[in-house]
Amino acid sequence: MRITPTRIFQIQRISAIALLVFMTTHMVVVHYPPMHIDFSQIIVRMGQPIWKAIDILFLLSVLVHALAGVYMVLTDLQKIGRYRQALGWIAVVLFVVFFFYGTKTIIAFQPPV
C-alpha cells in the first residue's frame, strides 16, 4: 500500500490536533494544577491505567507527528528525494522501536507500595 504525500500531510495535521489536546492536558494537570502537587502524587497518577493510556496515546501522536514531518522534509530535498521508499521504511522501523520501548516503559512503571 502506497501512502501519498497528501495522506501524510493529513496524518500530520491530525496528530497536531492530538498533540494540542495532550499538551494542554499535560500542562494543566502537571505544571499548573489548581492545588499543590508533589512528586508522590505524580507517582500515584503514573500508576493509574487511565493515565498510562493517555501517556501511550501522547507518545503515539508525538512519534507520528515527528516522523511524518521529518520524512516530508527529507523527501522534499532533491538529493534525498530518490530514497523515498527507504526513508519510509526507516521511519516505520523507528516508529515501531520507539513506540515499543516507550509503551513498555509506561506499562512497566508501578508506584512503590
N, C-alpha and C. Protein backbone atom coordinates (compact mmCIF):
# COMPACT_ATOMS: atom_id res chain seq x y z
N MET A 1 0.84 -1.18 0.00
CA MET A 1 0.00 0.00 0.00
C MET A 1 0.89 1.25 0.00
N ARG A 2 0.63 2.14 -0.91
CA ARG A 2 1.42 3.36 -1.02
C ARG A 2 0.65 4.50 -0.36
N ILE A 3 1.37 5.20 0.51
CA ILE A 3 0.76 6.35 1.17
C ILE A 3 1.27 7.61 0.46
N THR A 4 0.35 8.42 0.00
CA THR A 4 0.71 9.61 -0.78
C THR A 4 1.15 10.74 0.16
N PRO A 5 1.91 11.70 -0.37
CA PRO A 5 2.30 12.86 0.43
C PRO A 5 1.10 13.61 1.01
N THR A 6 -0.01 13.64 0.26
CA THR A 6 -1.21 14.31 0.77
C THR A 6 -1.73 13.60 2.01
N ARG A 7 -1.72 12.27 1.98
CA ARG A 7 -2.18 11.48 3.14
C ARG A 7 -1.26 11.72 4.34
N ILE A 8 0.05 11.78 4.11
CA ILE A 8 0.99 12.05 5.19
C ILE A 8 0.73 13.43 5.78
N PHE A 9 0.48 14.40 4.92
CA PHE A 9 0.15 15.75 5.36
C PHE A 9 -1.10 15.73 6.26
N GLN A 10 -2.12 14.98 5.85
CA GLN A 10 -3.35 14.89 6.64
C GLN A 10 -3.09 14.20 7.98
N ILE A 11 -2.31 13.13 7.96
CA ILE A 11 -1.97 12.41 9.19
C ILE A 11 -1.22 13.34 10.14
N GLN A 12 -0.31 14.14 9.60
CA GLN A 12 0.44 15.05 10.45
C GLN A 12 -0.47 16.12 11.06
N ARG A 13 -1.44 16.60 10.31
CA ARG A 13 -2.36 17.60 10.85
C ARG A 13 -3.25 17.00 11.94
N ILE A 14 -3.69 15.76 11.75
CA ILE A 14 -4.49 15.09 12.78
C ILE A 14 -3.66 14.87 14.04
N SER A 15 -2.41 14.46 13.87
CA SER A 15 -1.55 14.27 15.04
C SER A 15 -1.25 15.61 15.73
N ALA A 16 -1.22 16.69 14.96
CA ALA A 16 -1.00 18.02 15.57
C ALA A 16 -2.18 18.40 16.47
N ILE A 17 -3.38 18.07 16.04
CA ILE A 17 -4.56 18.35 16.87
C ILE A 17 -4.51 17.51 18.14
N ALA A 18 -4.13 16.23 18.00
CA ALA A 18 -4.00 15.36 19.17
C ALA A 18 -2.92 15.90 20.11
N LEU A 19 -1.82 16.37 19.55
CA LEU A 19 -0.75 16.94 20.39
C LEU A 19 -1.22 18.17 21.14
N LEU A 20 -2.01 18.98 20.49
CA LEU A 20 -2.56 20.17 21.15
C LEU A 20 -3.39 19.77 22.37
N VAL A 21 -4.22 18.75 22.22
CA VAL A 21 -5.05 18.26 23.32
C VAL A 21 -4.18 17.67 24.43
N PHE A 22 -3.22 16.79 24.06
CA PHE A 22 -2.39 16.15 25.07
C PHE A 22 -1.46 17.14 25.77
N MET A 23 -0.89 18.08 25.02
CA MET A 23 0.00 19.08 25.65
C MET A 23 -0.77 19.98 26.60
N THR A 24 -1.98 20.37 26.22
CA THR A 24 -2.80 21.20 27.10
C THR A 24 -3.15 20.43 28.37
N THR A 25 -3.55 19.19 28.21
CA THR A 25 -3.86 18.34 29.38
C THR A 25 -2.63 18.20 30.26
N HIS A 26 -1.50 17.91 29.66
CA HIS A 26 -0.25 17.75 30.41
C HIS A 26 0.10 19.03 31.19
N MET A 27 0.03 20.16 30.53
CA MET A 27 0.38 21.41 31.20
C MET A 27 -0.57 21.74 32.34
N VAL A 28 -1.86 21.55 32.13
CA VAL A 28 -2.85 21.86 33.17
C VAL A 28 -2.72 20.91 34.36
N VAL A 29 -2.55 19.62 34.09
CA VAL A 29 -2.54 18.62 35.16
C VAL A 29 -1.20 18.59 35.89
N VAL A 30 -0.10 18.69 35.17
CA VAL A 30 1.21 18.51 35.79
C VAL A 30 1.85 19.83 36.21
N HIS A 31 1.79 20.84 35.37
CA HIS A 31 2.54 22.07 35.65
C HIS A 31 1.71 23.18 36.29
N TYR A 32 0.42 23.23 36.03
CA TYR A 32 -0.41 24.30 36.58
C TYR A 32 -1.67 23.76 37.24
N PRO A 33 -1.53 22.82 38.18
CA PRO A 33 -2.74 22.30 38.83
C PRO A 33 -3.33 23.33 39.78
N PRO A 34 -4.63 23.23 40.08
CA PRO A 34 -5.26 24.21 40.97
C PRO A 34 -4.77 24.08 42.41
N MET A 35 -4.22 22.91 42.79
CA MET A 35 -3.71 22.75 44.14
C MET A 35 -2.23 22.38 44.06
N HIS A 36 -1.60 22.33 45.22
CA HIS A 36 -0.19 21.97 45.26
C HIS A 36 -0.03 20.49 44.87
N ILE A 37 0.95 20.20 44.05
CA ILE A 37 1.20 18.81 43.65
C ILE A 37 2.67 18.51 43.92
N ASP A 38 2.93 17.34 44.47
CA ASP A 38 4.32 16.95 44.70
C ASP A 38 4.60 15.62 44.00
N PHE A 39 5.84 15.18 44.10
CA PHE A 39 6.27 14.00 43.36
C PHE A 39 5.48 12.75 43.74
N SER A 40 5.09 12.62 44.99
CA SER A 40 4.35 11.42 45.41
C SER A 40 2.99 11.33 44.69
N GLN A 41 2.37 12.47 44.45
CA GLN A 41 1.10 12.46 43.72
C GLN A 41 1.30 12.10 42.24
N ILE A 42 2.42 12.53 41.69
CA ILE A 42 2.72 12.19 40.30
C ILE A 42 2.98 10.69 40.17
N ILE A 43 3.70 10.14 41.13
CA ILE A 43 3.97 8.69 41.13
C ILE A 43 2.66 7.90 41.18
N VAL A 44 1.74 8.31 42.05
CA VAL A 44 0.45 7.62 42.15
C VAL A 44 -0.31 7.74 40.83
N ARG A 45 -0.32 8.92 40.24
CA ARG A 45 -1.03 9.15 38.98
C ARG A 45 -0.44 8.29 37.86
N MET A 46 0.88 8.16 37.82
CA MET A 46 1.52 7.38 36.76
C MET A 46 1.22 5.89 36.87
N GLY A 47 0.75 5.44 38.03
CA GLY A 47 0.39 4.05 38.21
C GLY A 47 -1.05 3.74 37.80
N GLN A 48 -1.85 4.76 37.53
CA GLN A 48 -3.25 4.56 37.18
C GLN A 48 -3.40 4.21 35.69
N PRO A 49 -4.23 3.21 35.38
CA PRO A 49 -4.38 2.76 33.99
C PRO A 49 -4.83 3.86 33.02
N ILE A 50 -5.70 4.76 33.45
CA ILE A 50 -6.18 5.81 32.55
C ILE A 50 -5.04 6.74 32.15
N TRP A 51 -4.15 7.05 33.10
CA TRP A 51 -3.02 7.93 32.79
C TRP A 51 -1.99 7.20 31.94
N LYS A 52 -1.87 5.89 32.14
CA LYS A 52 -0.97 5.13 31.27
C LYS A 52 -1.50 5.16 29.84
N ALA A 53 -2.80 5.02 29.67
CA ALA A 53 -3.39 5.08 28.32
C ALA A 53 -3.18 6.46 27.70
N ILE A 54 -3.37 7.50 28.49
CA ILE A 54 -3.16 8.87 27.99
C ILE A 54 -1.71 9.06 27.58
N ASP A 55 -0.76 8.57 28.39
CA ASP A 55 0.66 8.71 28.06
C ASP A 55 1.02 7.93 26.80
N ILE A 56 0.43 6.75 26.62
CA ILE A 56 0.70 5.96 25.41
C ILE A 56 0.15 6.67 24.17
N LEU A 57 -1.04 7.24 24.27
CA LEU A 57 -1.61 7.99 23.15
C LEU A 57 -0.80 9.25 22.86
N PHE A 58 -0.30 9.88 23.92
CA PHE A 58 0.57 11.05 23.77
C PHE A 58 1.84 10.64 23.02
N LEU A 59 2.45 9.53 23.43
CA LEU A 59 3.65 9.02 22.75
C LEU A 59 3.35 8.72 21.29
N LEU A 60 2.22 8.09 21.02
CA LEU A 60 1.83 7.76 19.65
C LEU A 60 1.73 9.02 18.80
N SER A 61 1.06 10.06 19.30
CA SER A 61 0.90 11.27 18.50
C SER A 61 2.22 12.00 18.30
N VAL A 62 3.10 11.99 19.30
CA VAL A 62 4.41 12.63 19.13
C VAL A 62 5.21 11.91 18.05
N LEU A 63 5.25 10.59 18.11
CA LEU A 63 6.02 9.83 17.12
C LEU A 63 5.47 9.99 15.71
N VAL A 64 4.16 9.90 15.56
CA VAL A 64 3.55 10.06 14.23
C VAL A 64 3.85 11.45 13.69
N HIS A 65 3.66 12.47 14.50
CA HIS A 65 3.87 13.84 14.05
C HIS A 65 5.34 14.09 13.68
N ALA A 66 6.24 13.66 14.54
CA ALA A 66 7.66 13.91 14.30
C ALA A 66 8.18 13.15 13.09
N LEU A 67 7.88 11.87 13.02
CA LEU A 67 8.41 11.07 11.90
C LEU A 67 7.79 11.47 10.57
N ALA A 68 6.52 11.81 10.56
CA ALA A 68 5.89 12.28 9.32
C ALA A 68 6.53 13.59 8.87
N GLY A 69 6.79 14.47 9.81
CA GLY A 69 7.41 15.75 9.48
C GLY A 69 8.82 15.59 8.94
N VAL A 70 9.62 14.77 9.60
CA VAL A 70 10.99 14.55 9.14
C VAL A 70 10.99 13.88 7.77
N TYR A 71 10.11 12.91 7.59
CA TYR A 71 10.01 12.23 6.29
C TYR A 71 9.67 13.23 5.18
N MET A 72 8.69 14.08 5.42
CA MET A 72 8.28 15.04 4.38
C MET A 72 9.38 16.05 4.08
N VAL A 73 10.07 16.52 5.10
CA VAL A 73 11.16 17.48 4.87
C VAL A 73 12.28 16.83 4.07
N LEU A 74 12.67 15.60 4.46
CA LEU A 74 13.77 14.94 3.76
C LEU A 74 13.41 14.59 2.32
N THR A 75 12.18 14.16 2.08
CA THR A 75 11.81 13.80 0.71
C THR A 75 11.61 15.04 -0.17
N ASP A 76 11.48 16.20 0.41
CA ASP A 76 11.40 17.44 -0.38
C ASP A 76 12.76 17.84 -0.94
N LEU A 77 13.82 17.37 -0.32
CA LEU A 77 15.17 17.69 -0.81
C LEU A 77 15.45 16.89 -2.07
N GLN A 78 16.03 17.54 -3.06
CA GLN A 78 16.25 16.91 -4.36
C GLN A 78 17.20 15.70 -4.27
N LYS A 79 18.29 15.83 -3.54
CA LYS A 79 19.28 14.76 -3.49
C LYS A 79 18.78 13.55 -2.70
N ILE A 80 17.92 13.79 -1.72
CA ILE A 80 17.45 12.70 -0.86
C ILE A 80 16.12 12.15 -1.34
N GLY A 81 15.38 12.90 -2.13
CA GLY A 81 14.05 12.52 -2.57
C GLY A 81 13.98 11.17 -3.28
N ARG A 82 15.05 10.78 -3.94
CA ARG A 82 15.01 9.50 -4.67
C ARG A 82 15.06 8.29 -3.74
N TYR A 83 15.39 8.53 -2.47
CA TYR A 83 15.42 7.45 -1.48
C TYR A 83 14.13 7.41 -0.67
N ARG A 84 13.07 7.86 -1.28
CA ARG A 84 11.76 8.00 -0.61
C ARG A 84 11.30 6.69 0.04
N GLN A 85 11.39 5.58 -0.68
CA GLN A 85 10.92 4.31 -0.13
C GLN A 85 11.78 3.86 1.05
N ALA A 86 13.08 3.99 0.93
CA ALA A 86 13.97 3.62 2.03
C ALA A 86 13.71 4.49 3.27
N LEU A 87 13.51 5.79 3.04
CA LEU A 87 13.21 6.69 4.16
C LEU A 87 11.88 6.31 4.83
N GLY A 88 10.92 5.90 4.02
CA GLY A 88 9.64 5.46 4.56
C GLY A 88 9.80 4.26 5.47
N TRP A 89 10.58 3.29 5.02
CA TRP A 89 10.79 2.09 5.85
C TRP A 89 11.60 2.41 7.10
N ILE A 90 12.57 3.31 6.99
CA ILE A 90 13.34 3.72 8.17
C ILE A 90 12.41 4.39 9.18
N ALA A 91 11.50 5.23 8.71
CA ALA A 91 10.54 5.89 9.60
C ALA A 91 9.64 4.86 10.29
N VAL A 92 9.20 3.84 9.54
CA VAL A 92 8.34 2.80 10.12
C VAL A 92 9.11 2.02 11.19
N VAL A 93 10.34 1.66 10.90
CA VAL A 93 11.15 0.91 11.87
C VAL A 93 11.40 1.75 13.12
N LEU A 94 11.75 3.02 12.94
CA LEU A 94 11.95 3.90 14.10
C LEU A 94 10.68 4.03 14.92
N PHE A 95 9.55 4.16 14.24
CA PHE A 95 8.28 4.26 14.94
C PHE A 95 8.04 3.02 15.80
N VAL A 96 8.21 1.85 15.21
CA VAL A 96 7.96 0.60 15.94
C VAL A 96 8.90 0.48 17.14
N VAL A 97 10.18 0.75 16.94
CA VAL A 97 11.16 0.63 18.03
C VAL A 97 10.83 1.61 19.15
N PHE A 98 10.65 2.88 18.82
CA PHE A 98 10.38 3.88 19.86
C PHE A 98 9.03 3.66 20.54
N PHE A 99 8.02 3.27 19.77
CA PHE A 99 6.71 3.03 20.37
C PHE A 99 6.75 1.82 21.29
N PHE A 100 7.43 0.76 20.88
CA PHE A 100 7.56 -0.43 21.72
C PHE A 100 8.30 -0.09 23.02
N TYR A 101 9.45 0.57 22.90
CA TYR A 101 10.24 0.91 24.07
C TYR A 101 9.48 1.86 25.00
N GLY A 102 8.86 2.89 24.45
CA GLY A 102 8.12 3.85 25.27
C GLY A 102 6.91 3.22 25.95
N THR A 103 6.16 2.40 25.20
CA THR A 103 4.99 1.74 25.77
C THR A 103 5.41 0.75 26.85
N LYS A 104 6.48 0.03 26.60
CA LYS A 104 6.99 -0.92 27.60
C LYS A 104 7.37 -0.19 28.90
N THR A 105 7.99 0.96 28.76
CA THR A 105 8.38 1.75 29.92
C THR A 105 7.16 2.26 30.68
N ILE A 106 6.18 2.76 29.96
CA ILE A 106 4.97 3.30 30.60
C ILE A 106 4.20 2.19 31.32
N ILE A 107 4.02 1.06 30.66
CA ILE A 107 3.26 -0.03 31.26
C ILE A 107 4.00 -0.64 32.44
N ALA A 108 5.31 -0.74 32.36
CA ALA A 108 6.09 -1.38 33.42
C ALA A 108 6.15 -0.55 34.70
N PHE A 109 5.89 0.76 34.60
CA PHE A 109 6.00 1.61 35.79
C PHE A 109 4.93 1.23 36.82
N GLN A 110 5.38 0.95 38.02
CA GLN A 110 4.49 0.67 39.13
C GLN A 110 4.93 1.52 40.33
N PRO A 111 4.02 2.24 40.94
CA PRO A 111 4.41 3.03 42.10
C PRO A 111 4.81 2.11 43.25
N PRO A 112 5.76 2.56 44.07
CA PRO A 112 6.18 1.74 45.21
C PRO A 112 5.02 1.58 46.18
N VAL A 113 4.98 0.45 46.85
CA VAL A 113 3.87 0.17 47.76
C VAL A 113 4.11 0.72 49.14
